[in-house]
Amino acid sequence: MTTIDCAREREVADALRRGWFDDAAPAGAEDAVAELRAHADSCEVCGDVVLVAGMPQAERDVARADVQV
């Protein structure tokens, strides 16, 4: 079995956890975050990290749409 990993996977996961992929990059880090997003778009491993991290948010959005108050 071949292990597939990326040296930037943890960096992408940290940025996602901080909400930086949702246009909330800290002042002065916009270019670095944009480059990290571009990397995730072109890297299969990091792209999967972004995809999986977005699943809970998508499920929350669907659940909220179904709630009637």
Protein backbone atom coordinates (compact mmCIF):
# COMPACT_ATOMS: atom_id res chain seq x y z
CA MET A 1 0.00 0.00 0.00
CA THR A 2 1.34 3.42 -0.95
CA THR A 3 1.02 6.29 1.49
CA ILE A 4 0.08 9.55 -0.16
CA ASP A 5 0.70 12.72 1.78
CA CYS A 6 1.61 16.35 1.31
CA ALA A 7 4.00 18.44 3.36
CA ARG A 8 1.42 21.27 3.37
CA GLU A 9 -1.55 19.19 4.56
CA ARG A 10 -1.23 20.37 8.17
CA GLU A 11 -0.89 23.99 7.05
CA VAL A 12 -4.09 23.68 5.00
CA ALA A 13 -5.92 22.02 7.92
CA ASP A 14 -4.77 24.78 10.31
CA ALA A 15 -5.93 27.50 7.91
CA LEU A 16 -9.31 25.82 7.56
CA ARG A 17 -9.68 25.52 11.33
CA ARG A 18 -8.97 29.23 11.66
CA GLY A 19 -11.57 30.05 8.99
CA TRP A 20 -9.01 31.53 6.60
CA PHE A 21 -10.44 29.69 3.61
CA ASP A 22 -13.69 31.61 4.16
CA ASP A 23 -12.11 34.95 3.24
CA ALA A 24 -11.18 35.66 6.85
CA ALA A 25 -7.41 35.77 6.38
CA PRO A 26 -5.65 37.94 8.92
CA ALA A 27 -4.38 41.33 7.78
CA GLY A 28 -1.04 40.99 6.07
CA ALA A 29 -1.51 37.28 5.33
CA GLU A 30 -3.91 37.58 2.41
CA ASP A 31 -1.30 36.68 -0.22
CA ALA A 32 -0.04 33.68 1.74
CA VAL A 33 -3.58 32.40 2.24
CA ALA A 34 -4.39 32.94 -1.44
CA GLU A 35 -1.31 30.91 -2.35
CA LEU A 36 -2.34 28.18 0.09
CA ARG A 37 -5.81 28.06 -1.49
CA ALA A 38 -4.22 27.80 -4.93
CA HIS A 39 -2.05 24.95 -3.65
CA ALA A 40 -5.10 23.13 -2.25
CA ASP A 41 -6.84 23.54 -5.61
CA SER A 42 -3.97 21.77 -7.37
CA CYS A 43 -3.03 19.16 -4.74
CA GLU A 44 -5.18 16.03 -4.48
CA VAL A 45 -4.34 15.47 -0.80
CA CYS A 46 -4.97 19.06 0.31
CA GLY A 47 -8.03 19.32 -1.92
CA ASP A 48 -9.48 16.34 -0.07
CA VAL A 49 -8.74 18.05 3.26
CA VAL A 50 -10.71 21.11 2.09
CA LEU A 51 -13.55 18.94 0.80
CA VAL A 52 -13.88 16.93 4.00
CA ALA A 53 -13.60 20.01 6.22
CA GLY A 54 -16.44 21.65 4.29
CA MET A 55 -18.83 18.75 4.74
CA PRO A 56 -19.98 19.63 8.29
CA GLN A 57 -20.66 23.24 7.20
CA ALA A 58 -22.70 22.06 4.21
CA GLU A 59 -24.70 19.71 6.43
CA ARG A 60 -25.32 22.55 8.91
CA ASP A 61 -26.58 24.78 6.10
CA VAL A 62 -28.99 22.09 4.90
CA ALA A 63 -30.24 21.45 8.43
CA ARG A 64 -30.81 25.15 9.05
CA ALA A 65 -32.80 25.43 5.83
CA ASP A 66 -35.08 22.64 7.06
CA VAL A 67 -35.75 24.21 10.48
CA GLN A 68 -39.06 25.96 10.88
CA VAL A 69 -39.41 28.39 13.74
